[in-house]
Amino acid sequence: HVLPPQPPVVTVDACPDLQELRAKAALQCGNPEGRFYAECMEDVVTTCNLDDWVIDATVAEDDFNKIDEDVIIPEDPDADIVDSPSPSPVSPAGNSCGCDEYRNGASASDAVTCRKNQQEQGLWKCMPPSAGDDLCPGDHTRCVQTDLCDRSK
């Protein structure tokens, strides 16, 4: 998004209808609590140019609203943020990972694997959990193969 060029500051003499312009700006610069309202008002009054700054404020507010729509708000925004890694999601019991490719020593016969959350080149890629803490990386889902249990006992 490109801002309009900064025109020179005008004096009251160059903008005789300043009060009327200010009143129009107050109505057209958007929501008074909006992020760009005060800046729009200041730009209009400083430059004696209503249209360019109203358009700029509207486009900027729309851009930020689109960004806001993409933000995921946690269910409990007051929850403490912890620096320790959170456990990976676990697939439902008895549900196979559906791995197309195994890496880093993982195999279809492993009781626990970590499947990447997004396919790579159309394939579900799986790996073993970390040897140190038995956790999956953050971009993988922990998959427990319950159908591998010995049911003959």
Protein backbone atom coordinates (compact mmCIF):
# COMPACT_ATOMS: atom_id res chain seq x y z
CA HIS A 1 0.00 0.00 0.00
CA VAL A 2 1.50 3.31 -1.08
CA LEU A 3 0.65 6.54 0.67
CA PRO A 4 -0.22 9.57 -1.45
CA PRO A 5 2.64 12.02 -1.86
CA GLN A 6 3.01 14.46 1.01
CA PRO A 7 1.78 17.84 -0.27
CA PRO A 8 3.19 20.97 1.29
CA VAL A 9 1.60 22.27 4.49
CA VAL A 10 -1.04 24.89 3.77
CA THR A 11 -1.79 27.96 5.79
CA VAL A 12 -5.24 29.10 6.87
CA ASP A 13 -5.13 31.64 4.04
CA ALA A 14 -4.76 28.86 1.47
CA CYS A 15 -7.62 26.91 3.04
CA PRO A 16 -10.37 29.45 3.85
CA ASP A 17 -13.05 26.81 4.58
CA LEU A 18 -10.96 25.04 7.23
CA GLN A 19 -13.83 24.64 9.72
CA GLU A 20 -16.11 23.13 7.07
CA LEU A 21 -13.29 20.86 5.88
CA ARG A 22 -12.64 19.75 9.47
CA ALA A 23 -16.34 18.91 9.92
CA LYS A 24 -16.37 16.85 6.69
CA ALA A 25 -13.18 15.07 7.72
CA ALA A 26 -14.71 14.20 11.11
CA LEU A 27 -17.52 12.40 9.27
CA GLN A 28 -15.43 10.78 6.54
CA CYS A 29 -12.15 9.75 8.23
CA GLY A 30 -13.83 6.67 9.67
CA ASN A 31 -14.45 5.57 13.22
CA PRO A 32 -13.12 8.08 15.79
CA GLU A 33 -11.72 5.11 17.74
CA GLY A 34 -10.19 3.64 14.57
CA ARG A 35 -6.46 3.23 14.12
CA PHE A 36 -6.17 5.84 11.36
CA TYR A 37 -8.78 8.43 12.32
CA ALA A 38 -6.49 10.88 14.14
CA GLU A 39 -3.85 10.67 11.42
CA CYS A 40 -6.48 11.26 8.73
CA MET A 41 -7.86 14.29 10.58
CA GLU A 42 -4.39 15.76 11.03
CA ASP A 43 -3.45 15.17 7.38
CA VAL A 44 -6.68 16.75 6.08
CA VAL A 45 -6.32 19.84 8.27
CA THR A 46 -2.59 20.18 7.56
CA THR A 47 -2.88 19.83 3.78
CA CYS A 48 -6.40 21.11 3.07
CA ASN A 49 -7.00 17.92 1.07
CA LEU A 50 -9.93 15.76 2.11
CA ASP A 51 -10.34 13.10 -0.58
CA ASP A 52 -6.81 11.65 -0.73
CA TRP A 53 -6.52 11.24 3.04
CA VAL A 54 -10.01 9.77 3.51
CA ILE A 55 -9.26 7.18 0.81
CA ASP A 56 -5.86 6.45 2.39
CA ALA A 57 -7.38 5.98 5.87
CA THR A 58 -10.16 3.74 4.51
CA VAL A 59 -7.75 1.52 2.57
CA ALA A 60 -5.36 1.29 5.54
CA GLU A 61 -8.20 0.34 7.93
CA ASP A 62 -9.47 -2.29 5.47
CA ASP A 63 -5.95 -3.75 5.16
CA PHE A 64 -5.63 -4.02 8.94
CA ASN A 65 -9.10 -5.56 9.26
CA LYS A 66 -8.10 -8.26 6.77
CA ILE A 67 -5.00 -8.98 8.84
CA ASP A 68 -7.15 -9.13 12.00
CA GLU A 69 -9.38 -11.76 10.36
CA ASP A 70 -6.33 -14.03 9.94
CA VAL A 71 -5.29 -13.77 13.58
CA ILE A 72 -6.17 -16.75 15.75
CA ILE A 73 -7.18 -15.67 19.24
CA PRO A 74 -6.65 -18.31 21.92
CA GLU A 75 -9.71 -19.49 23.83
CA ASP A 76 -8.22 -18.05 27.03
CA PRO A 77 -6.34 -14.86 26.11
CA ASP A 78 -5.44 -14.37 29.80
CA ALA A 79 -3.64 -17.72 30.00
CA ASP A 80 0.04 -17.54 30.83
CA ILE A 81 2.37 -18.06 27.90
CA VAL A 82 4.94 -20.73 28.67
CA ASP A 83 8.25 -21.08 26.87
CA SER A 84 8.31 -24.87 27.16
CA PRO A 85 7.18 -26.83 24.09
CA SER A 86 3.58 -27.94 24.11
CA PRO A 87 2.82 -31.59 23.45
CA SER A 88 1.95 -32.50 19.89
CA PRO A 89 -1.67 -33.34 19.10
CA VAL A 90 -2.44 -37.07 19.30
CA SER A 91 -4.38 -38.87 16.63
CA PRO A 92 -7.52 -40.74 17.72
CA ALA A 93 -6.92 -44.18 19.22
CA GLY A 94 -6.83 -46.95 16.67
CA ASN A 95 -6.44 -44.50 13.79
CA SER A 96 -3.56 -45.28 11.48
CA CYS A 97 -1.17 -42.46 10.60
CA GLY A 98 -1.60 -43.02 6.90
CA CYS A 99 2.10 -42.36 6.26
CA ASP A 100 3.23 -42.56 2.65
CA GLU A 101 6.93 -42.19 3.43
CA TYR A 102 9.01 -42.92 6.53
CA ARG A 103 12.23 -41.09 7.40
CA ASN A 104 14.85 -40.96 10.13
CA GLY A 105 14.41 -44.65 10.97
CA ALA A 106 10.62 -44.67 11.36
CA SER A 107 8.65 -47.61 9.97
CA ALA A 108 5.06 -48.71 9.54
CA SER A 109 5.48 -51.19 12.39
CA ASP A 110 6.36 -48.47 14.97
CA ALA A 111 3.82 -48.09 17.78
CA VAL A 112 4.29 -44.29 17.75
CA THR A 113 5.19 -42.06 14.82
CA CYS A 114 5.05 -38.35 14.10
CA ARG A 115 3.22 -37.39 10.89
CA LYS A 116 3.86 -33.99 9.29
CA ASN A 117 0.70 -31.86 9.47
CA GLN A 118 0.88 -30.90 5.80
CA GLN A 119 1.68 -33.11 2.86
CA GLU A 120 4.96 -32.59 1.05
CA GLN A 121 4.79 -33.22 -2.69
CA GLY A 122 1.46 -34.98 -2.13
CA LEU A 123 2.87 -37.39 0.47
CA TRP A 124 2.30 -37.79 4.22
CA LYS A 125 5.79 -38.02 5.69
CA CYS A 126 6.41 -39.62 9.07
CA MET A 127 9.32 -39.81 11.47
CA PRO A 128 9.95 -41.22 14.95
CA PRO A 129 9.42 -39.04 18.05
CA SER A 130 12.48 -37.37 19.53
CA ALA A 131 14.72 -39.88 21.32
CA GLY A 132 15.28 -37.46 24.21
CA ASP A 133 11.75 -36.44 25.23
CA ASP A 134 9.57 -38.71 23.03
CA LEU A 135 7.80 -35.63 21.61
CA CYS A 136 6.95 -34.81 18.02
CA PRO A 137 8.07 -31.56 16.36
CA GLY A 138 5.50 -28.74 16.47
CA ASP A 139 4.55 -29.20 12.81
CA HIS A 140 3.84 -32.94 13.27
CA THR A 141 0.99 -34.92 14.86
CA ARG A 142 1.75 -37.75 17.27
CA CYS A 143 0.16 -40.94 15.99
CA VAL A 144 -0.36 -43.97 18.23
CA GLN A 145 -0.98 -47.26 16.42
CA THR A 146 -3.21 -49.19 18.87
CA ASP A 147 -3.91 -51.90 16.32
CA LEU A 148 -0.31 -53.12 16.79
CA CYS A 149 -1.08 -54.53 20.25
CA ASP A 150 -0.74 -58.26 20.80
CA ARG A 151 -4.35 -59.39 21.31
CA SER A 152 -3.51 -63.08 21.74
CA LYS A 153 -2.99 -62.73 25.50
